[in-house]
Amino acid sequence: MAAITETHFPSWDDFKVNFRRVLFGEGPFRKGKFIFRGHADSTWKLTPSFDRQFRELALAGERLWIGVELYNEFLAELKRLAPWKDVDARH
């Protein structure tokens, strides 16, 4: 097994610009390379962004509706960016 290499980026912008280059150089994306974005403390709970953003909504139905709307927007964007791909909402 290959050694784990830690790479730290000073900012989100720096990460967006450089992380792919760190993993793959100038080559294309390759399966089998993994990225782990860890926390400074292993006891911290991992909470999805959606849950952090909408935790205050008391009604489960309202949270579900927002989740469905975001998913539909995601699918629409996929279809826009990759019209040659068959995007199926059932998967």
C-alpha atoms as a PDB file:
ATOM      1  CA  MET A   1       0.000   0.000   0.000  1.00  0.00           C
ATOM      2  CA  ALA A   2       1.234   3.468  -0.848  1.00  0.00           C
ATOM      3  CA  ALA A   3       2.071   5.886   1.919  1.00  0.00           C
ATOM      4  CA  ILE A   4      -0.492   8.506   2.837  1.00  0.00           C
ATOM      5  CA  THR A   5       0.582  11.963   1.790  1.00  0.00           C
ATOM      6  CA  GLU A   6      -0.835  15.009   3.512  1.00  0.00           C
ATOM      7  CA  THR A   7      -1.266  18.166   1.512  1.00  0.00           C
ATOM      8  CA  HIS A   8      -2.367  21.364   3.180  1.00  0.00           C
ATOM      9  CA  PHE A   9      -3.836  24.277   1.259  1.00  0.00           C
ATOM     10  CA  PRO A  10      -3.864  27.739   2.831  1.00  0.00           C
ATOM     11  CA  SER A  11      -7.281  28.640   1.447  1.00  0.00           C
ATOM     12  CA  TRP A  12     -10.320  27.244  -0.321  1.00  0.00           C
ATOM     13  CA  ASP A  13      -9.334  29.126  -3.481  1.00  0.00           C
ATOM     14  CA  ASP A  14      -5.868  27.580  -3.391  1.00  0.00           C
ATOM     15  CA  PHE A  15      -7.433  24.133  -2.938  1.00  0.00           C
ATOM     16  CA  LYS A  16      -9.772  24.606  -5.911  1.00  0.00           C
ATOM     17  CA  VAL A  17      -6.927  25.716  -8.144  1.00  0.00           C
ATOM     18  CA  ASN A  18      -4.311  23.158  -7.129  1.00  0.00           C
ATOM     19  CA  PHE A  19      -5.737  19.939  -5.674  1.00  0.00           C
ATOM     20  CA  ARG A  20      -6.234  18.112  -8.987  1.00  0.00           C
ATOM     21  CA  ARG A  21      -2.704  18.989 -10.046  1.00  0.00           C
ATOM     22  CA  VAL A  22      -1.359  17.629  -6.746  1.00  0.00           C
ATOM     23  CA  LEU A  23      -3.151  14.305  -7.292  1.00  0.00           C
ATOM     24  CA  PHE A  24      -2.726  13.799 -11.023  1.00  0.00           C
ATOM     25  CA  GLY A  25      -0.124  16.262 -12.265  1.00  0.00           C
ATOM     26  CA  GLU A  26      -1.148  17.425 -15.714  1.00  0.00           C
ATOM     27  CA  GLY A  27      -2.870  14.096 -16.477  1.00  0.00           C
ATOM     28  CA  PRO A  28      -6.579  13.327 -16.373  1.00  0.00           C
ATOM     29  CA  PHE A  29      -8.539  12.165 -13.328  1.00  0.00           C
ATOM     30  CA  ARG A  30      -7.828   8.511 -12.478  1.00  0.00           C
ATOM     31  CA  LYS A  31      -9.944   6.222 -10.338  1.00  0.00           C
ATOM     32  CA  GLY A  32      -8.203   4.715  -7.339  1.00  0.00           C
ATOM     33  CA  LYS A  33      -6.796   7.961  -5.951  1.00  0.00           C
ATOM     34  CA  PHE A  34      -8.566   9.047  -2.811  1.00  0.00           C
ATOM     35  CA  ILE A  35      -8.933  12.377  -1.067  1.00  0.00           C
ATOM     36  CA  PHE A  36      -9.650  12.570   2.638  1.00  0.00           C
ATOM     37  CA  ARG A  37     -10.601  15.887   4.129  1.00  0.00           C
ATOM     38  CA  GLY A  38     -10.223  15.276   7.809  1.00  0.00           C
ATOM     39  CA  HIS A  39     -10.937  17.212  10.958  1.00  0.00           C
ATOM     40  CA  ALA A  40      -8.303  18.432  13.351  1.00  0.00           C
ATOM     41  CA  ASP A  41      -9.908  16.379  16.122  1.00  0.00           C
ATOM     42  CA  SER A  42     -11.113  12.805  15.514  1.00  0.00           C
ATOM     43  CA  THR A  43     -13.847  13.208  18.140  1.00  0.00           C
ATOM     44  CA  TRP A  44     -15.634  15.892  16.117  1.00  0.00           C
ATOM     45  CA  LYS A  45     -18.857  14.657  14.588  1.00  0.00           C
ATOM     46  CA  LEU A  46     -19.081  14.606  10.789  1.00  0.00           C
ATOM     47  CA  THR A  47     -22.259  16.434   9.824  1.00  0.00           C
ATOM     48  CA  PRO A  48     -23.302  16.908   6.187  1.00  0.00           C
ATOM     49  CA  SER A  49     -23.504  20.488   4.916  1.00  0.00           C
ATOM     50  CA  PHE A  50     -27.212  20.047   4.224  1.00  0.00           C
ATOM     51  CA  ASP A  51     -27.874  19.131   7.858  1.00  0.00           C
ATOM     52  CA  ARG A  52     -25.816  22.078   9.123  1.00  0.00           C
ATOM     53  CA  GLN A  53     -27.573  24.502   6.783  1.00  0.00           C
ATOM     54  CA  PHE A  54     -31.132  23.342   7.452  1.00  0.00           C
ATOM     55  CA  ARG A  55     -30.968  21.974  11.023  1.00  0.00           C
ATOM     56  CA  GLU A  56     -33.285  24.712  12.258  1.00  0.00           C
ATOM     57  CA  LEU A  57     -36.196  23.546  10.119  1.00  0.00           C
ATOM     58  CA  ALA A  58     -38.555  21.771  12.481  1.00  0.00           C
ATOM     59  CA  LEU A  59     -40.712  20.118   9.872  1.00  0.00           C
ATOM     60  CA  ALA A  60     -39.178  17.010   8.367  1.00  0.00           C
ATOM     61  CA  GLY A  61     -41.382  17.520   5.293  1.00  0.00           C
ATOM     62  CA  GLU A  62     -39.893  20.957   4.701  1.00  0.00           C
ATOM     63  CA  ARG A  63     -36.341  19.576   4.894  1.00  0.00           C
ATOM     64  CA  LEU A  64     -37.307  16.758   2.525  1.00  0.00           C
ATOM     65  CA  TRP A  65     -38.822  19.237   0.056  1.00  0.00           C
ATOM     66  CA  ILE A  66     -35.637  21.332   0.078  1.00  0.00           C
ATOM     67  CA  GLY A  67     -33.531  18.187  -0.411  1.00  0.00           C
ATOM     68  CA  VAL A  68     -35.616  17.117  -3.400  1.00  0.00           C
ATOM     69  CA  GLU A  69     -35.409  20.602  -4.920  1.00  0.00           C
ATOM     70  CA  LEU A  70     -31.619  20.696  -4.528  1.00  0.00           C
ATOM     71  CA  TYR A  71     -31.322  17.214  -6.052  1.00  0.00           C
ATOM     72  CA  ASN A  72     -33.465  18.258  -9.021  1.00  0.00           C
ATOM     73  CA  GLU A  73     -31.311  21.362  -9.534  1.00  0.00           C
ATOM     74  CA  PHE A  74     -28.223  19.142  -9.430  1.00  0.00           C
ATOM     75  CA  LEU A  75     -29.681  16.836 -12.101  1.00  0.00           C
ATOM     76  CA  ALA A  76     -30.625  19.799 -14.289  1.00  0.00           C
ATOM     77  CA  GLU A  77     -27.069  21.138 -14.027  1.00  0.00           C
ATOM     78  CA  LEU A  78     -25.660  17.721 -14.944  1.00  0.00           C
ATOM     79  CA  LYS A  79     -27.858  17.624 -18.028  1.00  0.00           C
ATOM     80  CA  ARG A  80     -26.728  21.143 -18.947  1.00  0.00           C
ATOM     81  CA  LEU A  81     -23.029  20.416 -18.482  1.00  0.00           C
ATOM     82  CA  ALA A  82     -23.024  16.915 -19.992  1.00  0.00           C
ATOM     83  CA  PRO A  83     -25.949  16.688 -22.433  1.00  0.00           C
ATOM     84  CA  TRP A  84     -24.396  13.632 -24.073  1.00  0.00           C
ATOM     85  CA  LYS A  85     -24.794  11.662 -20.809  1.00  0.00           C
ATOM     86  CA  ASP A  86     -28.057   9.963 -19.924  1.00  0.00           C
ATOM     87  CA  VAL A  87     -28.906  11.394 -16.504  1.00  0.00           C
ATOM     88  CA  ASP A  88     -31.556   9.266 -14.829  1.00  0.00           C
ATOM     89  CA  ALA A  89     -33.227  10.703 -11.727  1.00  0.00           C
ATOM     90  CA  ARG A  90     -34.031   7.244 -10.396  1.00  0.00           C
ATOM     91  CA  HIS A  91     -30.399   6.481  -9.543  1.00  0.00           C
END
